[in-house]
Amino acid sequence: MNQRLFLRYTLLFFLALFMINTNVQSASLWNNSKSIYSDRSAHQIGDLITIIIEETTSASQQASTDASQSSQVSVGAGSGILDFIKAFGVNESDNNSATGVTSRSGNLSSKVTVEIVDILENGNFKIQGNKEITVNDEQQRVNLTGVIRPEDITAENTVDSTYVANVKINYHGEGSVGDKQKPGIISRILNWLF
């Protein structure tokens, strides 16, 4: 019985010794660099940001011209050898006036998720993104590039388009509706001629 008890304690001793010598490693589920209670906002190349596009533009130009000119020439009657010339006069006047007005306005509302493609020396982010939607063979594309400041990024990782510097927004649509809005070949030839 003693021998059996001795073997049992010896086995437990070596088993405990073996468990102490093994390396136990664990990794945290949380990133140590940031609090688990704060929102993660985009600050690295490859991070995504949603740009809320609310652009309204309008331009108007007006020009008018009003010009008038008049001239008068009078010739007296001839005398002596030229007495056959009768007195006469010529009056001429010219009035020109023209008015031209041109105006253009546009609204664009959309949301485009863009990617940080570069971090500039001053800490600002260069962004670029595309969005393409096709519905009933009508294709709409929005391309956006620009520069944003990190402090303009909201907690929801969004930036209003009015805060994007050097912004270039290209909106293009193709399809049967767009084709119907283009003038035909004869209209284009007549517009070119006249």
C-alpha atoms as a PDB file:
ATOM      1  CA  MET A   1       0.000   0.000   0.000  1.00  0.00           C
ATOM      2  CA  ASN A   2       2.863   2.369   0.778  1.00  0.00           C
ATOM      3  CA  GLN A   3       4.452   1.569  -2.497  1.00  0.00           C
ATOM      4  CA  ARG A   4       1.235   2.291  -4.304  1.00  0.00           C
ATOM      5  CA  LEU A   5       0.815   5.617  -2.486  1.00  0.00           C
ATOM      6  CA  PHE A   6       4.426   6.519  -3.256  1.00  0.00           C
ATOM      7  CA  LEU A   7       3.899   5.868  -6.984  1.00  0.00           C
ATOM      8  CA  ARG A   8       0.753   7.979  -6.988  1.00  0.00           C
ATOM      9  CA  TYR A   9       2.489  10.977  -5.347  1.00  0.00           C
ATOM     10  CA  THR A  10       5.508  10.620  -7.612  1.00  0.00           C
ATOM     11  CA  LEU A  11       3.286  10.599 -10.670  1.00  0.00           C
ATOM     12  CA  LEU A  12       1.392  13.702  -9.468  1.00  0.00           C
ATOM     13  CA  PHE A  13       4.714  15.454  -8.725  1.00  0.00           C
ATOM     14  CA  PHE A  14       6.106  14.870 -12.236  1.00  0.00           C
ATOM     15  CA  LEU A  15       2.799  15.773 -13.837  1.00  0.00           C
ATOM     16  CA  ALA A  16       2.716  19.080 -11.918  1.00  0.00           C
ATOM     17  CA  LEU A  17       6.386  19.718 -12.803  1.00  0.00           C
ATOM     18  CA  PHE A  18       5.659  19.075 -16.481  1.00  0.00           C
ATOM     19  CA  MET A  19       2.722  21.507 -16.444  1.00  0.00           C
ATOM     20  CA  ILE A  20       4.834  24.261 -14.855  1.00  0.00           C
ATOM     21  CA  ASN A  21       7.579  23.969 -17.502  1.00  0.00           C
ATOM     22  CA  THR A  22       5.284  24.252 -20.514  1.00  0.00           C
ATOM     23  CA  ASN A  23       5.054  27.679 -22.133  1.00  0.00           C
ATOM     24  CA  VAL A  24       1.655  29.191 -21.881  1.00  0.00           C
ATOM     25  CA  GLN A  25       0.979  32.067 -24.266  1.00  0.00           C
ATOM     26  CA  SER A  26      -2.125  34.049 -24.853  1.00  0.00           C
ATOM     27  CA  ALA A  27      -3.021  37.011 -27.028  1.00  0.00           C
ATOM     28  CA  SER A  28      -5.428  39.754 -26.186  1.00  0.00           C
ATOM     29  CA  LEU A  29      -8.593  40.223 -28.143  1.00  0.00           C
ATOM     30  CA  TRP A  30      -8.164  43.997 -27.971  1.00  0.00           C
ATOM     31  CA  ASN A  31      -5.644  46.273 -29.599  1.00  0.00           C
ATOM     32  CA  ASN A  32      -3.525  47.866 -26.857  1.00  0.00           C
ATOM     33  CA  SER A  33      -3.007  51.077 -28.827  1.00  0.00           C
ATOM     34  CA  LYS A  34      -6.619  52.214 -28.504  1.00  0.00           C
ATOM     35  CA  SER A  35      -9.375  52.045 -25.961  1.00  0.00           C
ATOM     36  CA  ILE A  36     -12.098  49.503 -26.620  1.00  0.00           C
ATOM     37  CA  TYR A  37     -14.670  52.190 -25.852  1.00  0.00           C
ATOM     38  CA  SER A  38     -13.625  54.673 -28.556  1.00  0.00           C
ATOM     39  CA  ASP A  39     -14.622  54.637 -32.221  1.00  0.00           C
ATOM     40  CA  ARG A  40     -11.938  53.755 -34.743  1.00  0.00           C
ATOM     41  CA  SER A  41     -11.555  56.460 -37.346  1.00  0.00           C
ATOM     42  CA  ALA A  42      -9.605  56.201 -40.573  1.00  0.00           C
ATOM     43  CA  HIS A  43      -6.023  57.411 -40.332  1.00  0.00           C
ATOM     44  CA  GLN A  44      -3.951  55.027 -42.467  1.00  0.00           C
ATOM     45  CA  ILE A  45      -3.444  54.313 -46.144  1.00  0.00           C
ATOM     46  CA  GLY A  46      -6.128  51.895 -47.239  1.00  0.00           C
ATOM     47  CA  ASP A  47      -8.675  53.008 -44.619  1.00  0.00           C
ATOM     48  CA  LEU A  48     -12.151  53.841 -45.908  1.00  0.00           C
ATOM     49  CA  ILE A  49     -14.100  57.067 -45.408  1.00  0.00           C
ATOM     50  CA  THR A  50     -17.604  57.929 -46.605  1.00  0.00           C
ATOM     51  CA  ILE A  51     -17.911  61.296 -48.342  1.00  0.00           C
ATOM     52  CA  ILE A  52     -21.378  62.836 -48.149  1.00  0.00           C
ATOM     53  CA  ILE A  53     -21.843  64.792 -51.377  1.00  0.00           C
ATOM     54  CA  GLU A  54     -24.288  67.692 -51.176  1.00  0.00           C
ATOM     55  CA  GLU A  55     -23.191  70.060 -53.923  1.00  0.00           C
ATOM     56  CA  THR A  56     -25.244  72.902 -55.347  1.00  0.00           C
ATOM     57  CA  THR A  57     -23.798  75.157 -57.995  1.00  0.00           C
ATOM     58  CA  SER A  58     -25.269  78.021 -59.923  1.00  0.00           C
ATOM     59  CA  ALA A  59     -23.765  80.574 -62.231  1.00  0.00           C
ATOM     60  CA  SER A  60     -25.255  83.436 -64.177  1.00  0.00           C
ATOM     61  CA  GLN A  61     -23.731  85.892 -66.583  1.00  0.00           C
ATOM     62  CA  GLN A  62     -25.339  88.846 -68.275  1.00  0.00           C
ATOM     63  CA  ALA A  63     -23.913  91.138 -70.917  1.00  0.00           C
ATOM     64  CA  SER A  64     -25.452  93.984 -72.853  1.00  0.00           C
ATOM     65  CA  THR A  65     -24.197  96.276 -75.579  1.00  0.00           C
ATOM     66  CA  ASP A  66     -25.713  99.568 -76.646  1.00  0.00           C
ATOM     67  CA  ALA A  67     -23.865 101.525 -79.315  1.00  0.00           C
ATOM     68  CA  SER A  68     -24.968 104.371 -81.522  1.00  0.00           C
ATOM     69  CA  GLN A  69     -23.165 106.368 -84.149  1.00  0.00           C
ATOM     70  CA  SER A  70     -24.241 109.256 -86.370  1.00  0.00           C
ATOM     71  CA  SER A  71     -22.518 111.353 -88.993  1.00  0.00           C
ATOM     72  CA  GLN A  72     -23.545 114.337 -91.064  1.00  0.00           C
ATOM     73  CA  VAL A  73     -22.004 115.698 -94.234  1.00  0.00           C
ATOM     74  CA  SER A  74     -23.132 118.999 -95.872  1.00  0.00           C
ATOM     75  CA  VAL A  75     -21.942 120.410 -99.181  1.00  0.00           C
ATOM     76  CA  GLY A  76     -22.719 123.957-100.237  1.00  0.00           C
ATOM     77  CA  ALA A  77     -23.764 125.015-103.761  1.00  0.00           C
ATOM     78  CA  GLY A  78     -21.030 125.428-106.325  1.00  0.00           C
ATOM     79  CA  SER A  79     -20.012 128.846-107.688  1.00  0.00           C
ATOM     80  CA  GLY A  80     -18.385 130.013-110.869  1.00  0.00           C
ATOM     81  CA  ILE A  81     -17.495 127.151-113.138  1.00  0.00           C
ATOM     82  CA  LEU A  82     -19.093 124.694-110.599  1.00  0.00           C
ATOM     83  CA  ASP A  83     -22.424 126.483-110.314  1.00  0.00           C
ATOM     84  CA  PHE A  84     -24.205 123.422-111.700  1.00  0.00           C
ATOM     85  CA  ILE A  85     -23.615 121.670-108.294  1.00  0.00           C
ATOM     86  CA  LYS A  86     -26.588 122.127-106.023  1.00  0.00           C
ATOM     87  CA  ALA A  87     -26.271 122.230-102.251  1.00  0.00           C
ATOM     88  CA  PHE A  88     -26.896 118.864-100.565  1.00  0.00           C
ATOM     89  CA  GLY A  89     -26.384 117.075 -97.247  1.00  0.00           C
ATOM     90  CA  VAL A  90     -26.152 113.459 -96.052  1.00  0.00           C
ATOM     91  CA  ASN A  91     -27.106 112.269 -92.593  1.00  0.00           C
ATOM     92  CA  GLU A  92     -26.360 108.740 -91.392  1.00  0.00           C
ATOM     93  CA  SER A  93     -27.039 107.099 -88.064  1.00  0.00           C
ATOM     94  CA  ASP A  94     -26.537 103.579 -86.786  1.00  0.00           C
ATOM     95  CA  ASN A  95     -27.833 102.055 -83.566  1.00  0.00           C
ATOM     96  CA  ASN A  96     -26.837  98.634 -82.302  1.00  0.00           C
ATOM     97  CA  SER A  97     -27.990  96.990 -79.125  1.00  0.00           C
ATOM     98  CA  ALA A  98     -27.669  93.430 -77.930  1.00  0.00           C
ATOM     99  CA  THR A  99     -28.336  91.602 -74.702  1.00  0.00           C
ATOM    100  CA  GLY A 100     -27.198  88.151 -73.703  1.00  0.00           C
ATOM    101  CA  VAL A 101     -27.882  86.095 -70.594  1.00  0.00           C
ATOM    102  CA  THR A 102     -26.567  82.671 -69.713  1.00  0.00           C
ATOM    103  CA  SER A 103     -27.220  80.716 -66.565  1.00  0.00           C
ATOM    104  CA  ARG A 104     -26.532  77.229 -65.328  1.00  0.00           C
ATOM    105  CA  SER A 105     -27.308  75.423 -62.092  1.00  0.00           C
ATOM    106  CA  GLY A 106     -26.911  71.920 -60.789  1.00  0.00           C
ATOM    107  CA  ASN A 107     -27.468  69.773 -57.705  1.00  0.00           C
ATOM    108  CA  LEU A 108     -25.699  66.544 -56.815  1.00  0.00           C
ATOM    109  CA  SER A 109     -26.491  64.439 -53.748  1.00  0.00           C
ATOM    110  CA  SER A 110     -24.764  61.133 -53.107  1.00  0.00           C
ATOM    111  CA  LYS A 111     -22.571  59.172 -50.733  1.00  0.00           C
ATOM    112  CA  VAL A 112     -19.283  57.706 -51.955  1.00  0.00           C
ATOM    113  CA  THR A 113     -16.945  55.579 -49.879  1.00  0.00           C
ATOM    114  CA  VAL A 114     -13.375  56.518 -50.725  1.00  0.00           C
ATOM    115  CA  GLU A 115      -9.979  55.148 -49.770  1.00  0.00           C
ATOM    116  CA  ILE A 116      -7.002  56.978 -48.280  1.00  0.00           C
ATOM    117  CA  VAL A 117      -4.368  56.595 -51.009  1.00  0.00           C
ATOM    118  CA  ASP A 118      -1.633  58.833 -49.577  1.00  0.00           C
ATOM    119  CA  ILE A 119      -0.727  60.717 -46.415  1.00  0.00           C
ATOM    120  CA  LEU A 120       0.760  64.110 -47.241  1.00  0.00           C
ATOM    121  CA  GLU A 121       3.651  65.720 -45.340  1.00  0.00           C
ATOM    122  CA  ASN A 122       1.287  68.012 -43.418  1.00  0.00           C
ATOM    123  CA  GLY A 123      -0.773  65.020 -42.233  1.00  0.00           C
ATOM    124  CA  ASN A 124      -3.692  65.504 -44.622  1.00  0.00           C
ATOM    125  CA  PHE A 125      -5.093  62.534 -46.515  1.00  0.00           C
ATOM    126  CA  LYS A 126      -5.334  62.204 -50.288  1.00  0.00           C
ATOM    127  CA  ILE A 127      -8.517  60.288 -51.094  1.00  0.00           C
ATOM    128  CA  GLN A 128      -9.947  58.582 -54.148  1.00  0.00           C
ATOM    129  CA  GLY A 129     -13.079  56.561 -54.777  1.00  0.00           C
ATOM    130  CA  ASN A 130     -15.549  55.385 -57.387  1.00  0.00           C
ATOM    131  CA  LYS A 131     -19.174  54.357 -57.273  1.00  0.00           C
ATOM    132  CA  GLU A 132     -21.033  52.681 -60.125  1.00  0.00           C
ATOM    133  CA  ILE A 133     -24.731  51.859 -60.162  1.00  0.00           C
ATOM    134  CA  THR A 134     -26.631  50.131 -62.968  1.00  0.00           C
ATOM    135  CA  VAL A 135     -30.437  50.029 -62.944  1.00  0.00           C
ATOM    136  CA  ASN A 136     -32.477  48.939 -65.997  1.00  0.00           C
ATOM    137  CA  ASP A 137     -29.477  49.321 -68.318  1.00  0.00           C
ATOM    138  CA  GLU A 138     -28.928  52.872 -67.036  1.00  0.00           C
ATOM    139  CA  GLN A 139     -25.410  53.220 -65.697  1.00  0.00           C
ATOM    140  CA  GLN A 140     -24.358  56.012 -63.327  1.00  0.00           C
ATOM    141  CA  ARG A 141     -20.767  56.579 -62.228  1.00  0.00           C
ATOM    142  CA  VAL A 142     -19.412  58.930 -59.580  1.00  0.00           C
ATOM    143  CA  ASN A 143     -15.647  59.454 -59.300  1.00  0.00           C
ATOM    144  CA  LEU A 144     -14.257  61.550 -56.448  1.00  0.00           C
ATOM    145  CA  THR A 145     -10.715  62.659 -55.612  1.00  0.00           C
ATOM    146  CA  GLY A 146      -9.449  65.268 -53.190  1.00  0.00           C
ATOM    147  CA  VAL A 147      -7.641  66.033 -49.938  1.00  0.00           C
ATOM    148  CA  ILE A 148      -9.163  65.965 -46.452  1.00  0.00           C
ATOM    149  CA  ARG A 149      -7.940  66.906 -42.987  1.00  0.00           C
ATOM    150  CA  PRO A 150      -7.976  64.241 -40.247  1.00  0.00           C
ATOM    151  CA  GLU A 151      -9.893  66.553 -37.904  1.00  0.00           C
ATOM    152  CA  ASP A 152     -12.779  66.780 -40.406  1.00  0.00           C
ATOM    153  CA  ILE A 153     -13.486  63.043 -40.095  1.00  0.00           C
ATOM    154  CA  THR A 154     -16.532  62.487 -37.877  1.00  0.00           C
ATOM    155  CA  ALA A 155     -16.989  59.645 -35.383  1.00  0.00           C
ATOM    156  CA  GLU A 156     -19.004  57.805 -38.066  1.00  0.00           C
ATOM    157  CA  ASN A 157     -16.028  58.012 -40.489  1.00  0.00           C
ATOM    158  CA  THR A 158     -17.803  60.516 -42.738  1.00  0.00           C
ATOM    159  CA  VAL A 159     -16.729  63.839 -44.233  1.00  0.00           C
ATOM    160  CA  ASP A 160     -19.003  66.430 -45.823  1.00  0.00           C
ATOM    161  CA  SER A 161     -17.951  67.202 -49.408  1.00  0.00           C
ATOM    162  CA  THR A 162     -17.635  70.903 -48.578  1.00  0.00           C
ATOM    163  CA  TYR A 163     -14.596  70.000 -46.428  1.00  0.00           C
ATOM    164  CA  VAL A 164     -12.758  68.249 -49.286  1.00  0.00           C
ATOM    165  CA  ALA A 165      -9.967  70.384 -50.763  1.00  0.00           C
ATOM    166  CA  ASN A 166      -9.087  70.183 -54.459  1.00  0.00           C
ATOM    167  CA  VAL A 167     -12.220  68.120 -54.925  1.00  0.00           C
ATOM    168  CA  LYS A 168     -12.965  66.658 -58.340  1.00  0.00           C
ATOM    169  CA  ILE A 169     -16.369  65.057 -58.649  1.00  0.00           C
ATOM    170  CA  ASN A 170     -17.232  63.480 -61.990  1.00  0.00           C
ATOM    171  CA  TYR A 171     -20.811  62.304 -62.425  1.00  0.00           C
ATOM    172  CA  HIS A 172     -21.571  60.454 -65.631  1.00  0.00           C
ATOM    173  CA  GLY A 173     -24.650  58.575 -66.805  1.00  0.00           C
ATOM    174  CA  GLU A 174     -25.145  56.301 -69.792  1.00  0.00           C
ATOM    175  CA  GLY A 175     -28.119  54.433 -71.158  1.00  0.00           C
ATOM    176  CA  SER A 176     -31.298  54.894 -73.139  1.00  0.00           C
ATOM    177  CA  VAL A 177     -32.354  58.043 -71.242  1.00  0.00           C
ATOM    178  CA  GLY A 178     -28.945  59.640 -71.788  1.00  0.00           C
ATOM    179  CA  ASP A 179     -28.998  58.656 -75.448  1.00  0.00           C
ATOM    180  CA  LYS A 180     -32.365  60.369 -75.955  1.00  0.00           C
ATOM    181  CA  GLN A 181     -30.995  63.609 -74.538  1.00  0.00           C
ATOM    182  CA  LYS A 182     -28.239  63.838 -77.162  1.00  0.00           C
ATOM    183  CA  PRO A 183     -29.115  65.683 -80.389  1.00  0.00           C
ATOM    184  CA  GLY A 184     -29.262  63.640 -83.570  1.00  0.00           C
ATOM    185  CA  ILE A 185     -26.695  63.792 -86.387  1.00  0.00           C
ATOM    186  CA  ILE A 186     -28.763  66.189 -88.518  1.00  0.00           C
ATOM    187  CA  SER A 187     -29.286  68.571 -85.593  1.00  0.00           C
ATOM    188  CA  ARG A 188     -25.563  68.523 -84.872  1.00  0.00           C
ATOM    189  CA  ILE A 189     -24.715  69.272 -88.534  1.00  0.00           C
ATOM    190  CA  LEU A 190     -27.213  72.159 -88.662  1.00  0.00           C
ATOM    191  CA  ASN A 191     -25.870  73.558 -85.378  1.00  0.00           C
ATOM    192  CA  TRP A 192     -22.339  73.324 -86.743  1.00  0.00           C
ATOM    193  CA  LEU A 193     -23.304  75.103 -89.982  1.00  0.00           C
ATOM    194  CA  PHE A 194     -25.389  77.823 -88.368  1.00  0.00           C
END
